[in-house]
Amino acid sequence: MDISILENAKKFKRIPKQSNAQRSCITIVYAPTGKRIELSKKVHEMLGNAEKVEFLFDSDKKVLIVYPDENGSSVKINKNKAVVYDSELIKEIITEFNLDFENRSSMGFEKFEAVEGKENTVCIFLK
C-alpha cells in the first residue's frame, strides 16, 4: 500500500455523545431498577442546595415547579446530581404530564427558568 494516500486524508470530526439525561436540568427516571427524579447540579445549586424540595405542577401549561421546602421530599446527593426517591410523586408527575415510558426509562425537562421568590429561588421547568 502506498503511504502517500495519508497526506490528503482528513480526520473525522468527533462529537462527544451526550444523552438526554446529561442535557436535562431535571430527569424523571422510571425503570425496573428504580424510580427517581434527578436534578442537575446547576439546578440544585440554584435551589440553595436544599435538603428537601417540593414539587408543584400545572399540566395545562406543561409546567413543573420545584422549590426548597422543609416539608418536601428528601434530596440525596449521587455523583453530580441531586436525587429525589419518591415513587408516588413520580407516578403523579407521569400521569399529570401524560409521559410515556413504554420504550424508554428516562425523560428530561431541558428548558427551565429560575425565579427569585420571597424566601428562595423557584425553578420552573417547561415540558
Foldseek 3Di string as FASTA:
>chain_A
DDPCVVVPDDDDDDDDDDDPVNLFQWKFFADPVATKIKGALVVCVQLVVAQFKAWDDDLVQQKIKIHHDPPHFGWDDDPRITMGHDVVVSVVVCVSNVPDPPPHGMDGFNDWDWDQDPVGIMIMTHD
